[in-house]
PDB file of N, CA and C in Angstrom:
ATOM      1  N   MET A   1       0.869  -1.178  -0.037  1.00  0.00           N
ATOM      2  CA  MET A   1      -0.035  -0.013   0.010  1.00  0.00           C
ATOM      3  C   MET A   1       0.876   1.229  -0.034  1.00  0.00           C
ATOM      4  N   ALA A   2       0.662   2.109  -0.907  1.00  0.00           N
ATOM      5  CA  ALA A   2       1.555   3.363  -1.055  1.00  0.00           C
ATOM      6  C   ALA A   2       0.969   4.452  -0.240  1.00  0.00           C
ATOM      7  N   GLY A   3       1.711   5.218   0.504  1.00  0.00           N
ATOM      8  CA  GLY A   3       1.222   6.436   1.194  1.00  0.00           C
ATOM      9  C   GLY A   3       0.571   5.979   2.538  1.00  0.00           C
ATOM     10  N   LYS A   4       0.287   7.017   3.274  1.00  0.00           N
ATOM     11  CA  LYS A   4      -0.246   6.845   4.609  1.00  0.00           C
ATOM     12  C   LYS A   4      -1.768   7.059   4.496  1.00  0.00           C
ATOM     13  N   GLU A   5      -2.514   6.330   5.279  1.00  0.00           N
ATOM     14  CA  GLU A   5      -4.015   6.411   5.253  1.00  0.00           C
ATOM     15  C   GLU A   5      -4.432   7.191   6.458  1.00  0.00           C
ATOM     16  N   GLU A   6      -5.321   8.119   6.213  1.00  0.00           N
ATOM     17  CA  GLU A   6      -6.016   8.882   7.317  1.00  0.00           C
ATOM     18  C   GLU A   6      -7.460   8.626   7.278  1.00  0.00           C
ATOM     19  N   TYR A   7      -8.078   8.611   8.450  1.00  0.00           N
ATOM     20  CA  TYR A   7      -9.517   8.439   8.515  1.00  0.00           C
ATOM     21  C   TYR A   7     -10.038   9.555   9.344  1.00  0.00           C
ATOM     22  N   ARG A   8     -11.262   9.868   9.007  1.00  0.00           N
ATOM     23  CA  ARG A   8     -12.043  10.889   9.767  1.00  0.00           C
ATOM     24  C   ARG A   8     -13.261  10.205  10.306  1.00  0.00           C
ATOM     25  N   ILE A   9     -13.597  10.501  11.531  1.00  0.00           N
ATOM     26  CA  ILE A   9     -14.808   9.888  12.064  1.00  0.00           C
ATOM     27  C   ILE A   9     -15.682  11.025  12.674  1.00  0.00           C
ATOM     28  N   PHE A  10     -16.970  10.658  12.754  1.00  0.00           N
ATOM     29  CA  PHE A  10     -17.885  11.595  13.401  1.00  0.00           C
ATOM     30  C   PHE A  10     -18.285  10.960  14.700  1.00  0.00           C
ATOM     31  N   VAL A  11     -18.217  11.728  15.787  1.00  0.00           N
ATOM     32  CA  VAL A  11     -18.688  11.278  17.045  1.00  0.00           C
ATOM     33  C   VAL A  11     -19.863  12.088  17.481  1.00  0.00           C
ATOM     34  N   GLY A  12     -21.060  11.468  17.521  1.00  0.00           N
ATOM     35  CA  GLY A  12     -22.286  12.223  17.873  1.00  0.00           C
ATOM     36  C   GLY A  12     -22.796  12.001  19.308  1.00  0.00           C
ATOM     37  N   GLY A  13     -23.696  12.751  19.715  1.00  0.00           N
ATOM     38  CA  GLY A  13     -24.331  12.568  20.999  1.00  0.00           C
ATOM     39  C   GLY A  13     -23.460  13.138  22.178  1.00  0.00           C
ATOM     40  N   LEU A  14     -22.553  14.097  21.827  1.00  0.00           N
ATOM     41  CA  LEU A  14     -21.657  14.604  22.927  1.00  0.00           C
ATOM     42  C   LEU A  14     -22.345  15.785  23.538  1.00  0.00           C
ATOM     43  N   SER A  15     -21.819  16.064  24.758  1.00  0.00           N
ATOM     44  CA  SER A  15     -22.227  17.237  25.537  1.00  0.00           C
ATOM     45  C   SER A  15     -21.786  18.461  24.686  1.00  0.00           C
ATOM     46  N   TRP A  16     -22.493  19.550  24.836  1.00  0.00           N
ATOM     47  CA  TRP A  16     -22.226  20.838  24.187  1.00  0.00           C
ATOM     48  C   TRP A  16     -20.909  21.446  24.710  1.00  0.00           C
ATOM     49  N   ASP A  17     -20.506  21.048  25.872  1.00  0.00           N
ATOM     50  CA  ASP A  17     -19.311  21.649  26.467  1.00  0.00           C
ATOM     51  C   ASP A  17     -18.061  20.738  26.440  1.00  0.00           C
ATOM     52  N   VAL A  18     -18.125  19.678  25.643  1.00  0.00           N
ATOM     53  CA  VAL A  18     -16.996  18.768  25.491  1.00  0.00           C
ATOM     54  C   VAL A  18     -15.771  19.521  24.909  1.00  0.00           C
ATOM     55  N   THR A  19     -14.613  19.285  25.403  1.00  0.00           N
ATOM     56  CA  THR A  19     -13.350  19.940  24.913  1.00  0.00           C
ATOM     57  C   THR A  19     -12.624  18.989  24.052  1.00  0.00           C
ATOM     58  N   GLU A  20     -11.724  19.641  23.243  1.00  0.00           N
ATOM     59  CA  GLU A  20     -10.848  18.890  22.329  1.00  0.00           C
ATOM     60  C   GLU A  20      -9.933  18.016  23.162  1.00  0.00           C
ATOM     61  N   ARG A  21      -9.443  18.536  24.348  1.00  0.00           N
ATOM     62  CA  ARG A  21      -8.594  17.718  25.266  1.00  0.00           C
ATOM     63  C   ARG A  21      -9.280  16.442  25.768  1.00  0.00           C
ATOM     64  N   GLN A  22     -10.573  16.565  26.014  1.00  0.00           N
ATOM     65  CA  GLN A  22     -11.276  15.438  26.518  1.00  0.00           C
ATOM     66  C   GLN A  22     -11.421  14.409  25.402  1.00  0.00           C
ATOM     67  N   MET A  23     -11.703  14.827  24.173  1.00  0.00           N
ATOM     68  CA  MET A  23     -11.753  13.884  23.099  1.00  0.00           C
ATOM     69  C   MET A  23     -10.416  13.185  22.841  1.00  0.00           C
ATOM     70  N   GLU A  24      -9.377  13.947  22.862  1.00  0.00           N
ATOM     71  CA  GLU A  24      -8.022  13.331  22.781  1.00  0.00           C
ATOM     72  C   GLU A  24      -7.788  12.354  23.747  1.00  0.00           C
ATOM     73  N   SER A  25      -8.102  12.549  25.044  1.00  0.00           N
ATOM     74  CA  SER A  25      -7.883  11.590  26.070  1.00  0.00           C
ATOM     75  C   SER A  25      -8.732  10.355  25.918  1.00  0.00           C
ATOM     76  N   ALA A  26      -9.952  10.517  25.469  1.00  0.00           N
ATOM     77  CA  ALA A  26     -10.860   9.389  25.242  1.00  0.00           C
ATOM     78  C   ALA A  26     -10.345   8.502  24.129  1.00  0.00           C
ATOM     79  N   PHE A  27      -9.669   8.959  23.032  1.00  0.00           N
ATOM     80  CA  PHE A  27      -9.303   8.170  21.917  1.00  0.00           C
ATOM     81  C   PHE A  27      -7.916   7.886  21.780  1.00  0.00           C
ATOM     82  N   GLN A  28      -7.059   8.426  22.716  1.00  0.00           N
ATOM     83  CA  GLN A  28      -5.558   8.212  22.569  1.00  0.00           C
ATOM     84  C   GLN A  28      -5.164   6.726  22.672  1.00  0.00           C
ATOM     85  N   ARG A  29      -6.025   5.904  23.336  1.00  0.00           N
ATOM     86  CA  ARG A  29      -5.669   4.457  23.493  1.00  0.00           C
ATOM     87  C   ARG A  29      -5.773   3.773  22.111  1.00  0.00           C
ATOM     88  N   PHE A  30      -6.384   4.339  21.116  1.00  0.00           N
ATOM     89  CA  PHE A  30      -6.467   3.724  19.839  1.00  0.00           C
ATOM     90  C   PHE A  30      -5.385   4.210  18.837  1.00  0.00           C
ATOM     91  N   GLY A  31      -4.611   5.065  19.266  1.00  0.00           N
ATOM     92  CA  GLY A  31      -3.495   5.626  18.369  1.00  0.00           C
ATOM     93  C   GLY A  31      -3.244   7.111  18.684  1.00  0.00           C
ATOM     94  N   LYS A  32      -2.260   7.598  18.084  1.00  0.00           N
ATOM     95  CA  LYS A  32      -1.856   8.979  18.324  1.00  0.00           C
ATOM     96  C   LYS A  32      -2.817   9.880  17.643  1.00  0.00           C
ATOM     97  N   VAL A  33      -3.442  10.780  18.390  1.00  0.00           N
ATOM     98  CA  VAL A  33      -4.393  11.743  17.843  1.00  0.00           C
ATOM     99  C   VAL A  33      -3.553  12.950  17.261  1.00  0.00           C
ATOM    100  N   LEU A  34      -3.686  13.005  15.933  1.00  0.00           N
ATOM    101  CA  LEU A  34      -2.869  14.096  15.276  1.00  0.00           C
ATOM    102  C   LEU A  34      -3.591  15.442  15.342  1.00  0.00           C
ATOM    103  N   GLU A  35      -4.815  15.465  15.398  1.00  0.00           N
ATOM    104  CA  GLU A  35      -5.595  16.737  15.413  1.00  0.00           C
ATOM    105  C   GLU A  35      -6.930  16.511  16.075  1.00  0.00           C
ATOM    106  N   ALA A  36      -7.406  17.387  16.856  1.00  0.00           N
ATOM    107  CA  ALA A  36      -8.791  17.390  17.376  1.00  0.00           C
ATOM    108  C   ALA A  36      -9.325  18.799  17.131  1.00  0.00           C
ATOM    109  N   GLN A  37     -10.513  18.808  16.524  1.00  0.00           N
ATOM    110  CA  GLN A  37     -11.110  20.129  16.172  1.00  0.00           C
ATOM    111  C   GLN A  37     -12.576  20.020  16.456  1.00  0.00           C
ATOM    112  N   ALA A  38     -12.899  20.939  17.375  1.00  0.00           N
ATOM    113  CA  ALA A  38     -14.359  21.075  17.762  1.00  0.00           C
ATOM    114  C   ALA A  38     -14.949  22.118  16.800  1.00  0.00           C
ATOM    115  N   LEU A  39     -15.964  21.822  16.115  1.00  0.00           N
ATOM    116  CA  LEU A  39     -16.666  22.731  15.282  1.00  0.00           C
ATOM    117  C   LEU A  39     -17.957  23.041  15.891  1.00  0.00           C
ATOM    118  N   SER A  40     -18.076  24.174  16.473  1.00  0.00           N
ATOM    119  CA  SER A  40     -19.353  24.515  17.218  1.00  0.00           C
ATOM    120  C   SER A  40     -20.193  25.459  16.378  1.00  0.00           C
ATOM    121  N   THR A  41     -21.434  25.472  16.707  1.00  0.00           N
ATOM    122  CA  THR A  41     -22.403  26.319  16.117  1.00  0.00           C
ATOM    123  C   THR A  41     -23.071  27.102  17.250  1.00  0.00           C
ATOM    124  N   TYR A  42     -23.663  28.289  16.849  1.00  0.00           N
ATOM    125  CA  TYR A  42     -24.297  29.146  17.863  1.00  0.00           C
ATOM    126  C   TYR A  42     -25.740  29.008  17.764  1.00  0.00           C
ATOM    127  N   SER A  43     -26.219  28.155  16.924  1.00  0.00           N
ATOM    128  CA  SER A  43     -27.683  27.930  16.787  1.00  0.00           C
ATOM    129  C   SER A  43     -28.100  26.751  17.706  1.00  0.00           C
ATOM    130  N   MET A  44     -29.389  26.510  17.790  1.00  0.00           N
ATOM    131  CA  MET A  44     -29.875  25.475  18.536  1.00  0.00           C
ATOM    132  C   MET A  44     -29.935  24.119  17.816  1.00  0.00           C
ATOM    133  N   SER A  45     -29.127  24.045  16.805  1.00  0.00           N
ATOM    134  CA  SER A  45     -29.056  22.876  15.939  1.00  0.00           C
ATOM    135  C   SER A  45     -28.604  21.633  16.735  1.00  0.00           C
ATOM    136  N   LEU A  46     -28.991  20.463  16.390  1.00  0.00           N
ATOM    137  CA  LEU A  46     -28.501  19.240  17.080  1.00  0.00           C
ATOM    138  C   LEU A  46     -27.202  18.781  16.435  1.00  0.00           C
ATOM    139  N   PHE A  47     -26.701  19.449  15.386  1.00  0.00           N
ATOM    140  CA  PHE A  47     -25.558  18.944  14.721  1.00  0.00           C
ATOM    141  C   PHE A  47     -24.349  19.722  15.373  1.00  0.00           C
ATOM    142  N   TYR A  48     -23.531  18.946  16.104  1.00  0.00           N
ATOM    143  CA  TYR A  48     -22.376  19.520  16.710  1.00  0.00           C
ATOM    144  C   TYR A  48     -21.235  18.466  16.584  1.00  0.00           C
ATOM    145  N   PRO A  49     -20.468  18.472  15.513  1.00  0.00           N
ATOM    146  CA  PRO A  49     -19.410  17.435  15.287  1.00  0.00           C
ATOM    147  C   PRO A  49     -18.120  17.820  15.968  1.00  0.00           C
ATOM    148  N   ILE A  50     -17.435  16.752  16.267  1.00  0.00           N
ATOM    149  CA  ILE A  50     -16.057  16.773  16.748  1.00  0.00           C
ATOM    150  C   ILE A  50     -15.277  16.078  15.668  1.00  0.00           C
ATOM    151  N   ILE A  51     -14.294  16.665  15.091  1.00  0.00           N
ATOM    152  CA  ILE A  51     -13.562  16.033  13.997  1.00  0.00           C
ATOM    153  C   ILE A  51     -12.099  15.966  14.449  1.00  0.00           C
ATOM    154  N   PHE A  52     -11.461  14.815  14.359  1.00  0.00           N
ATOM    155  CA  PHE A  52     -10.082  14.645  14.677  1.00  0.00           C
ATOM    156  C   PHE A  52      -9.445  13.565  13.832  1.00  0.00           C
ATOM    157  N   ARG A  53      -8.234  13.733  13.591  1.00  0.00           N
ATOM    158  CA  ARG A  53      -7.390  12.819  12.831  1.00  0.00           C
ATOM    159  C   ARG A  53      -6.512  11.993  13.780  1.00  0.00           C
ATOM    160  N   MET A  54      -6.412  10.705  13.479  1.00  0.00           N
ATOM    161  CA  MET A  54      -5.559   9.813  14.323  1.00  0.00           C
ATOM    162  C   MET A  54      -4.497   9.073  13.455  1.00  0.00           C
ATOM    163  N   LYS A  55      -3.402   8.823  14.089  1.00  0.00           N
ATOM    164  CA  LYS A  55      -2.420   7.961  13.489  1.00  0.00           C
ATOM    165  C   LYS A  55      -2.391   6.699  14.322  1.00  0.00           C
ATOM    166  N   CYS A  56      -2.895   5.581  13.825  1.00  0.00           N
ATOM    167  CA  CYS A  56      -2.966   4.377  14.555  1.00  0.00           C
ATOM    168  C   CYS A  56      -1.769   3.536  14.379  1.00  0.00           C
ATOM    169  N   PRO A  57      -1.304   2.765  15.413  1.00  0.00           N
ATOM    170  CA  PRO A  57      -0.216   1.900  15.254  1.00  0.00           C
ATOM    171  C   PRO A  57      -0.431   0.739  14.282  1.00  0.00           C
ATOM    172  N   SER A  58       0.627   0.378  13.658  1.00  0.00           N
ATOM    173  CA  SER A  58       0.554  -0.762  12.579  1.00  0.00           C
ATOM    174  C   SER A  58       0.273  -2.070  13.266  1.00  0.00           C
TER     175      SER A  58
END
């Protein structure tokens, strides 16, 4: 397989006040978290994604 693979996942049903650090702590056991980005909205929408990239061990 040529090149590195990256995956993005959506994690739903989270508290509105979840932090990027909390997400990194929760998922670090699966591999190195390269980036955690909380995308918040100021509307009352139910869509509140947390996006992060991980590098998983081989």
